[in-house]
Amino acid sequence: MHTKYLVTAVACLSVLASGCATHEHKLSSSSANNIVVGKVIHGNPSLADQLIVETSGKRFEGELAIKKHLNWESVRKAYGSDSTHWQKIRSGQDKDHHTSVGTADIKSPDGEVMQCKLIWARSDRPEGECVDKTGKSLELRFE
């Protein structure tokens, strides 16, 4: 009998723990003959979201500030007066209409800085660009 409760408790804890799991997206593109690797790490409420990019043998990293946006006009057009759907969106149960925008000033160990901006919808992967102090742009597309 106690074993049954123990198994149930472990299963419940596993589900709860996975709800707070970190999401990681790896960089899947290169930019203008330059090999670029990196990742976005986000979704863990106890850790800051991170952007890491390595290009030309130099690693840049920094905190990624993510803001979620909702285009109410497109939701209005799509759902009209469907009060059930509106309630799900307002309560946070339906997050399919959110767009995330992440910004970061990522730094290398020698102090060089790139300003980055990423955007993605819930069902998509992050993509955007980083710009260095000379204005050179580095396109990013994550898996």
N, C-alpha and C. Protein backbone atom coordinates (compact mmCIF):
# COMPACT_ATOMS: atom_id res chain seq x y z
N MET A 1 0.82 -1.19 0.00
CA MET A 1 0.00 0.00 0.00
C MET A 1 0.86 1.26 0.00
N HIS A 2 1.91 1.29 0.85
CA HIS A 2 2.79 2.46 0.90
C HIS A 2 3.53 2.65 -0.42
N THR A 3 3.87 1.55 -1.08
CA THR A 3 4.57 1.62 -2.36
C THR A 3 3.71 2.33 -3.40
N LYS A 4 2.41 2.05 -3.38
CA LYS A 4 1.49 2.69 -4.32
C LYS A 4 1.49 4.20 -4.12
N TYR A 5 1.47 4.65 -2.87
CA TYR A 5 1.49 6.09 -2.59
C TYR A 5 2.83 6.72 -2.98
N LEU A 6 3.91 5.97 -2.75
CA LEU A 6 5.24 6.47 -3.10
C LEU A 6 5.37 6.65 -4.61
N VAL A 7 4.90 5.67 -5.37
CA VAL A 7 4.95 5.76 -6.84
C VAL A 7 4.11 6.94 -7.32
N THR A 8 2.93 7.11 -6.74
CA THR A 8 2.06 8.23 -7.11
C THR A 8 2.73 9.56 -6.78
N ALA A 9 3.35 9.67 -5.63
CA ALA A 9 4.02 10.91 -5.23
C ALA A 9 5.19 11.22 -6.15
N VAL A 10 5.98 10.23 -6.50
CA VAL A 10 7.11 10.44 -7.42
C VAL A 10 6.61 10.88 -8.79
N ALA A 11 5.54 10.26 -9.27
CA ALA A 11 4.98 10.63 -10.58
C ALA A 11 4.48 12.08 -10.55
N CYS A 12 3.81 12.46 -9.49
CA CYS A 12 3.32 13.85 -9.37
C CYS A 12 4.47 14.84 -9.32
N LEU A 13 5.50 14.53 -8.56
CA LEU A 13 6.66 15.42 -8.49
C LEU A 13 7.35 15.54 -9.83
N SER A 14 7.42 14.47 -10.59
CA SER A 14 8.03 14.50 -11.92
C SER A 14 7.27 15.44 -12.84
N VAL A 15 5.94 15.37 -12.79
CA VAL A 15 5.13 16.26 -13.61
C VAL A 15 5.33 17.71 -13.20
N LEU A 16 5.35 17.98 -11.91
CA LEU A 16 5.56 19.34 -11.43
C LEU A 16 6.93 19.86 -11.83
N ALA A 17 7.94 19.04 -11.69
CA ALA A 17 9.30 19.46 -12.03
C ALA A 17 9.43 19.74 -13.52
N SER A 18 8.80 18.95 -14.36
CA SER A 18 8.90 19.17 -15.80
C SER A 18 8.19 20.44 -16.22
N GLY A 19 7.23 20.92 -15.45
CA GLY A 19 6.55 22.16 -15.76
C GLY A 19 7.47 23.36 -15.64
N CYS A 20 8.55 23.24 -14.90
CA CYS A 20 9.50 24.33 -14.71
C CYS A 20 10.80 24.08 -15.47
N ALA A 21 10.76 23.15 -16.40
CA ALA A 21 11.98 22.78 -17.11
C ALA A 21 12.47 23.91 -17.98
N THR A 22 13.78 23.99 -18.10
CA THR A 22 14.41 24.98 -18.94
C THR A 22 14.27 24.56 -20.41
N HIS A 23 14.04 25.54 -21.28
CA HIS A 23 14.00 25.29 -22.71
C HIS A 23 15.33 25.75 -23.30
N GLU A 24 15.85 24.97 -24.21
CA GLU A 24 17.11 25.35 -24.85
C GLU A 24 16.95 25.23 -26.36
N HIS A 25 17.33 26.29 -27.08
CA HIS A 25 17.29 26.29 -28.54
C HIS A 25 18.72 26.46 -29.02
N LYS A 26 19.18 25.56 -29.88
CA LYS A 26 20.54 25.66 -30.42
C LYS A 26 20.51 26.42 -31.73
N LEU A 27 21.57 27.16 -31.97
CA LEU A 27 21.71 27.94 -33.19
C LEU A 27 21.86 27.00 -34.37
N SER A 28 21.10 27.25 -35.44
CA SER A 28 21.10 26.34 -36.58
C SER A 28 21.51 27.00 -37.88
N SER A 29 22.14 28.17 -37.82
CA SER A 29 22.50 28.83 -39.07
C SER A 29 23.88 29.45 -38.98
N SER A 30 24.36 29.80 -40.14
CA SER A 30 25.62 30.55 -40.21
C SER A 30 25.33 31.85 -40.93
N SER A 31 26.22 32.77 -40.84
CA SER A 31 26.00 34.08 -41.42
C SER A 31 27.18 34.46 -42.30
N ALA A 32 26.94 34.62 -43.58
CA ALA A 32 27.92 35.11 -44.55
C ALA A 32 29.28 34.41 -44.41
N ASN A 33 29.30 33.11 -44.65
CA ASN A 33 30.53 32.32 -44.61
C ASN A 33 31.20 32.26 -43.24
N ASN A 34 30.53 32.71 -42.22
CA ASN A 34 31.07 32.71 -40.87
C ASN A 34 30.33 31.65 -40.06
N ILE A 35 31.05 30.70 -39.51
CA ILE A 35 30.40 29.67 -38.71
C ILE A 35 30.01 30.27 -37.36
N VAL A 36 28.76 30.09 -37.01
CA VAL A 36 28.22 30.65 -35.77
C VAL A 36 27.56 29.52 -34.99
N VAL A 37 27.90 29.41 -33.71
CA VAL A 37 27.22 28.45 -32.84
C VAL A 37 26.68 29.22 -31.64
N GLY A 38 25.71 28.65 -31.00
CA GLY A 38 25.17 29.31 -29.82
C GLY A 38 23.88 28.68 -29.36
N LYS A 39 23.28 29.29 -28.36
CA LYS A 39 22.02 28.79 -27.84
C LYS A 39 21.30 29.86 -27.03
N VAL A 40 19.99 29.67 -26.95
CA VAL A 40 19.12 30.45 -26.08
C VAL A 40 18.66 29.50 -24.99
N ILE A 41 18.80 29.92 -23.75
CA ILE A 41 18.35 29.11 -22.62
C ILE A 41 17.32 29.96 -21.87
N HIS A 42 16.08 29.44 -21.78
CA HIS A 42 15.03 30.21 -21.12
C HIS A 42 13.99 29.29 -20.50
N GLY A 43 13.15 29.87 -19.66
CA GLY A 43 12.02 29.13 -19.14
C GLY A 43 12.14 28.63 -17.72
N ASN A 44 13.29 28.78 -17.09
CA ASN A 44 13.43 28.35 -15.70
C ASN A 44 13.23 29.57 -14.81
N PRO A 45 12.17 29.59 -14.00
CA PRO A 45 11.88 30.78 -13.20
C PRO A 45 12.96 31.13 -12.17
N SER A 46 13.83 30.17 -11.83
CA SER A 46 14.85 30.46 -10.82
C SER A 46 16.19 30.87 -11.43
N LEU A 47 16.28 30.88 -12.77
CA LEU A 47 17.52 31.28 -13.44
C LEU A 47 17.22 32.34 -14.48
N ALA A 48 18.18 33.26 -14.71
CA ALA A 48 18.01 34.27 -15.74
C ALA A 48 18.10 33.62 -17.12
N ASP A 49 17.30 34.11 -18.06
CA ASP A 49 17.37 33.64 -19.44
C ASP A 49 18.70 34.09 -20.04
N GLN A 50 19.29 33.26 -20.91
CA GLN A 50 20.63 33.52 -21.43
C GLN A 50 20.67 33.41 -22.95
N LEU A 51 21.56 34.22 -23.55
CA LEU A 51 21.88 34.10 -24.97
C LEU A 51 23.38 33.91 -25.06
N ILE A 52 23.80 32.87 -25.77
CA ILE A 52 25.22 32.57 -25.95
C ILE A 52 25.48 32.42 -27.45
N VAL A 53 26.45 33.16 -27.97
CA VAL A 53 26.80 33.12 -29.39
C VAL A 53 28.31 33.04 -29.50
N GLU A 54 28.78 32.14 -30.36
CA GLU A 54 30.22 32.05 -30.62
C GLU A 54 30.44 32.22 -32.12
N THR A 55 31.28 33.20 -32.46
CA THR A 55 31.58 33.48 -33.86
C THR A 55 33.04 33.89 -33.98
N SER A 56 33.68 33.48 -35.04
CA SER A 56 35.10 33.80 -35.28
C SER A 56 35.96 33.44 -34.07
N GLY A 57 35.63 32.35 -33.41
CA GLY A 57 36.41 31.90 -32.26
C GLY A 57 36.21 32.71 -31.00
N LYS A 58 35.27 33.62 -31.01
CA LYS A 58 35.01 34.46 -29.83
C LYS A 58 33.63 34.16 -29.28
N ARG A 59 33.54 33.97 -27.97
CA ARG A 59 32.27 33.65 -27.30
C ARG A 59 31.69 34.92 -26.68
N PHE A 60 30.41 35.13 -26.94
CA PHE A 60 29.65 36.24 -26.36
C PHE A 60 28.51 35.64 -25.57
N GLU A 61 28.23 36.20 -24.41
CA GLU A 61 27.08 35.73 -23.65
C GLU A 61 26.53 36.84 -22.77
N GLY A 62 25.27 36.69 -22.42
CA GLY A 62 24.64 37.67 -21.56
C GLY A 62 23.20 37.29 -21.26
N GLU A 63 22.62 38.07 -20.39
CA GLU A 63 21.24 37.84 -19.97
C GLU A 63 20.29 38.30 -21.06
N LEU A 64 19.30 37.47 -21.35
CA LEU A 64 18.30 37.75 -22.37
C LEU A 64 17.01 38.20 -21.67
N ALA A 65 16.62 39.44 -21.91
CA ALA A 65 15.37 39.97 -21.34
C ALA A 65 14.24 39.64 -22.30
N ILE A 66 13.29 38.84 -21.85
CA ILE A 66 12.19 38.41 -22.71
C ILE A 66 10.89 39.05 -22.25
N LYS A 67 10.21 39.67 -23.21
CA LYS A 67 8.88 40.24 -22.96
C LYS A 67 7.90 39.55 -23.89
N LYS A 68 6.74 39.26 -23.34
CA LYS A 68 5.70 38.61 -24.14
C LYS A 68 4.66 39.66 -24.54
N HIS A 69 4.26 39.57 -25.80
CA HIS A 69 3.29 40.52 -26.34
C HIS A 69 2.10 39.75 -26.92
N LEU A 70 0.97 40.40 -26.90
CA LEU A 70 -0.24 39.80 -27.44
C LEU A 70 -0.89 40.81 -28.37
N ASN A 71 -1.12 40.42 -29.62
CA ASN A 71 -1.75 41.30 -30.59
C ASN A 71 -3.26 41.13 -30.47
N TRP A 72 -3.86 41.99 -29.66
CA TRP A 72 -5.30 41.88 -29.39
C TRP A 72 -6.13 42.08 -30.65
N GLU A 73 -5.66 42.90 -31.57
CA GLU A 73 -6.42 43.15 -32.80
C GLU A 73 -6.55 41.87 -33.62
N SER A 74 -5.45 41.10 -33.74
CA SER A 74 -5.53 39.85 -34.51
C SER A 74 -6.41 38.83 -33.78
N VAL A 75 -6.38 38.83 -32.46
CA VAL A 75 -7.24 37.92 -31.69
C VAL A 75 -8.71 38.29 -31.91
N ARG A 76 -9.00 39.60 -31.90
CA ARG A 76 -10.38 40.06 -32.13
C ARG A 76 -10.88 39.61 -33.50
N LYS A 77 -10.00 39.76 -34.51
CA LYS A 77 -10.40 39.37 -35.86
C LYS A 77 -10.62 37.87 -35.95
N ALA A 78 -9.78 37.10 -35.29
CA ALA A 78 -9.88 35.65 -35.38
C ALA A 78 -11.05 35.07 -34.59
N TYR A 79 -11.36 35.65 -33.41
CA TYR A 79 -12.34 35.02 -32.52
C TYR A 79 -13.59 35.84 -32.26
N GLY A 80 -13.62 37.06 -32.74
CA GLY A 80 -14.81 37.88 -32.56
C GLY A 80 -15.25 37.94 -31.11
N SER A 81 -16.46 37.52 -30.84
CA SER A 81 -16.99 37.61 -29.47
C SER A 81 -17.05 36.26 -28.78
N ASP A 82 -16.20 35.33 -29.14
CA ASP A 82 -16.16 34.00 -28.52
C ASP A 82 -15.63 34.15 -27.08
N SER A 83 -16.56 34.34 -26.14
CA SER A 83 -16.17 34.65 -24.76
C SER A 83 -15.38 33.52 -24.10
N THR A 84 -15.63 32.28 -24.48
CA THR A 84 -14.89 31.15 -23.91
C THR A 84 -13.42 31.25 -24.29
N HIS A 85 -13.16 31.54 -25.54
CA HIS A 85 -11.77 31.64 -26.00
C HIS A 85 -11.09 32.87 -25.37
N TRP A 86 -11.79 33.98 -25.29
CA TRP A 86 -11.22 35.18 -24.67
C TRP A 86 -10.83 34.90 -23.22
N GLN A 87 -11.68 34.17 -22.50
CA GLN A 87 -11.40 33.85 -21.10
C GLN A 87 -10.14 33.00 -20.98
N LYS A 88 -9.97 32.04 -21.88
CA LYS A 88 -8.77 31.20 -21.87
C LYS A 88 -7.51 32.04 -22.12
N ILE A 89 -7.60 33.00 -23.03
CA ILE A 89 -6.44 33.86 -23.33
C ILE A 89 -6.12 34.74 -22.12
N ARG A 90 -7.13 35.38 -21.55
CA ARG A 90 -6.92 36.27 -20.40
C ARG A 90 -6.35 35.52 -19.19
N SER A 91 -6.81 34.28 -18.98
CA SER A 91 -6.38 33.52 -17.81
C SER A 91 -5.00 32.89 -17.99
N GLY A 92 -4.49 32.90 -19.22
CA GLY A 92 -3.18 32.31 -19.47
C GLY A 92 -3.22 30.86 -19.89
N GLN A 93 -4.41 30.29 -20.02
CA GLN A 93 -4.53 28.89 -20.46
C GLN A 93 -4.20 28.73 -21.93
N ASP A 94 -4.49 29.76 -22.73
CA ASP A 94 -4.21 29.73 -24.17
C ASP A 94 -3.11 30.74 -24.45
N LYS A 95 -1.90 30.25 -24.69
CA LYS A 95 -0.75 31.14 -24.92
C LYS A 95 -0.32 31.14 -26.39
N ASP A 96 -1.15 30.55 -27.24
CA ASP A 96 -0.78 30.44 -28.65
C ASP A 96 -0.71 31.78 -29.37
N HIS A 97 -1.25 32.83 -28.77
CA HIS A 97 -1.30 34.13 -29.43
C HIS A 97 -0.20 35.07 -28.96
N HIS A 98 0.66 34.59 -28.09
CA HIS A 98 1.75 35.41 -27.57
C HIS A 98 2.95 35.39 -28.51
N THR A 99 3.60 36.54 -28.61
CA THR A 99 4.87 36.65 -29.31
C THR A 99 5.90 37.08 -28.29
N SER A 100 7.04 36.40 -28.28
CA SER A 100 8.11 36.75 -27.36
C SER A 100 9.16 37.58 -28.09
N VAL A 101 9.64 38.62 -27.41
CA VAL A 101 10.72 39.45 -27.94
C VAL A 101 11.82 39.45 -26.89
N GLY A 102 13.01 39.01 -27.31
CA GLY A 102 14.15 38.97 -26.40
C GLY A 102 15.22 39.94 -26.83
N THR A 103 15.76 40.69 -25.88
CA THR A 103 16.85 41.62 -26.17
C THR A 103 18.00 41.32 -25.21
N ALA A 104 19.22 41.51 -25.72
CA ALA A 104 20.40 41.25 -24.90
C ALA A 104 21.58 42.04 -25.42
N ASP A 105 22.40 42.50 -24.49
CA ASP A 105 23.74 43.00 -24.81
C ASP A 105 24.66 41.88 -24.37
N ILE A 106 25.18 41.13 -25.34
CA ILE A 106 26.05 40.01 -25.01
C ILE A 106 27.51 40.45 -25.12
N LYS A 107 28.33 39.96 -24.21
CA LYS A 107 29.72 40.42 -24.11
C LYS A 107 30.69 39.25 -24.24
N SER A 108 31.84 39.57 -24.82
CA SER A 108 32.94 38.60 -24.88
C SER A 108 33.84 38.84 -23.67
N PRO A 109 34.73 37.90 -23.36
CA PRO A 109 35.64 38.08 -22.22
C PRO A 109 36.52 39.33 -22.33
N ASP A 110 36.80 39.77 -23.57
CA ASP A 110 37.63 40.97 -23.74
C ASP A 110 36.83 42.27 -23.73
N GLY A 111 35.51 42.17 -23.47
CA GLY A 111 34.69 43.36 -23.31
C GLY A 111 33.94 43.82 -24.55
N GLU A 112 34.15 43.15 -25.68
CA GLU A 112 33.41 43.52 -26.89
C GLU A 112 31.93 43.18 -26.69
N VAL A 113 31.05 44.05 -27.19
CA VAL A 113 29.61 43.90 -26.97
C VAL A 113 28.87 43.82 -28.30
N MET A 114 27.88 42.94 -28.35
CA MET A 114 26.94 42.90 -29.47
C MET A 114 25.54 43.08 -28.90
N GLN A 115 24.74 43.88 -29.60
CA GLN A 115 23.35 44.07 -29.21
C GLN A 115 22.49 43.13 -30.05
N CYS A 116 21.65 42.36 -29.36
CA CYS A 116 20.87 41.33 -30.03
C CYS A 116 19.38 41.50 -29.78
N LYS A 117 18.60 41.11 -30.78
CA LYS A 117 17.15 41.12 -30.65
C LYS A 117 16.62 39.86 -31.33
N LEU A 118 15.81 39.10 -30.60
CA LEU A 118 15.19 37.88 -31.11
C LEU A 118 13.68 38.00 -30.99
N ILE A 119 12.98 37.29 -31.85
CA ILE A 119 11.52 37.28 -31.79
C ILE A 119 11.04 35.87 -32.15
N TRP A 120 9.96 35.43 -31.50
CA TRP A 120 9.37 34.15 -31.83
C TRP A 120 7.96 34.04 -31.26
N ALA A 121 7.13 33.32 -31.99
CA ALA A 121 5.79 32.99 -31.51
C ALA A 121 5.91 31.68 -30.73
N ARG A 122 4.89 31.36 -30.00
CA ARG A 122 4.96 30.18 -29.15
C ARG A 122 5.29 28.91 -29.93
N SER A 123 4.74 28.76 -31.11
CA SER A 123 4.96 27.55 -31.89
C SER A 123 6.20 27.62 -32.79
N ASP A 124 6.90 28.74 -32.76
CA ASP A 124 8.09 28.93 -33.60
C ASP A 124 9.36 28.92 -32.77
N ARG A 125 10.48 29.00 -33.47
CA ARG A 125 11.78 29.06 -32.81
C ARG A 125 12.32 30.48 -32.89
N PRO A 126 13.15 30.85 -31.93
CA PRO A 126 13.71 32.21 -31.94
C PRO A 126 14.55 32.48 -33.18
N GLU A 127 14.44 33.71 -33.67
CA GLU A 127 15.31 34.17 -34.74
C GLU A 127 15.46 35.68 -34.61
N GLY A 128 16.54 36.19 -35.15
CA GLY A 128 16.79 37.62 -35.08
C GLY A 128 18.20 37.94 -35.51
N GLU A 129 18.79 38.95 -34.87
CA GLU A 129 20.14 39.34 -35.24
C GLU A 129 20.88 39.97 -34.08
N CYS A 130 22.19 39.96 -34.20
CA CYS A 130 23.07 40.67 -33.29
C CYS A 130 23.88 41.65 -34.13
N VAL A 131 24.14 42.82 -33.57
CA VAL A 131 24.90 43.85 -34.27
C VAL A 131 26.07 44.25 -33.39
N ASP A 132 27.28 44.27 -33.99
CA ASP A 132 28.45 44.67 -33.21
C ASP A 132 28.65 46.18 -33.29
N LYS A 133 29.70 46.69 -32.65
CA LYS A 133 29.92 48.14 -32.56
C LYS A 133 30.21 48.78 -33.92
N THR A 134 30.65 47.98 -34.91
CA THR A 134 30.92 48.52 -36.24
C THR A 134 29.68 48.54 -37.11
N GLY A 135 28.59 47.95 -36.61
CA GLY A 135 27.35 47.87 -37.39
C GLY A 135 27.20 46.58 -38.16
N LYS A 136 28.18 45.68 -38.04
CA LYS A 136 28.10 44.39 -38.73
C LYS A 136 27.01 43.55 -38.08
N SER A 137 26.14 43.01 -38.93
CA SER A 137 25.00 42.24 -38.46
C SER A 137 25.25 40.74 -38.58
N LEU A 138 24.79 40.02 -37.59
CA LEU A 138 24.93 38.57 -37.56
C LEU A 138 23.53 37.99 -37.42
N GLU A 139 23.05 37.30 -38.46
CA GLU A 139 21.71 36.73 -38.43
C GLU A 139 21.72 35.45 -37.59
N LEU A 140 20.66 35.30 -36.78
CA LEU A 140 20.53 34.13 -35.91
C LEU A 140 19.21 33.43 -36.17
N ARG A 141 19.27 32.11 -36.28
CA ARG A 141 18.05 31.28 -36.40
C ARG A 141 18.30 30.04 -35.57
N PHE A 142 17.44 29.80 -34.62
CA PHE A 142 17.63 28.70 -33.68
C PHE A 142 16.74 27.51 -34.03
N GLU A 143 17.17 26.32 -33.63
CA GLU A 143 16.39 25.09 -33.85
C GLU A 143 15.28 24.99 -32.83
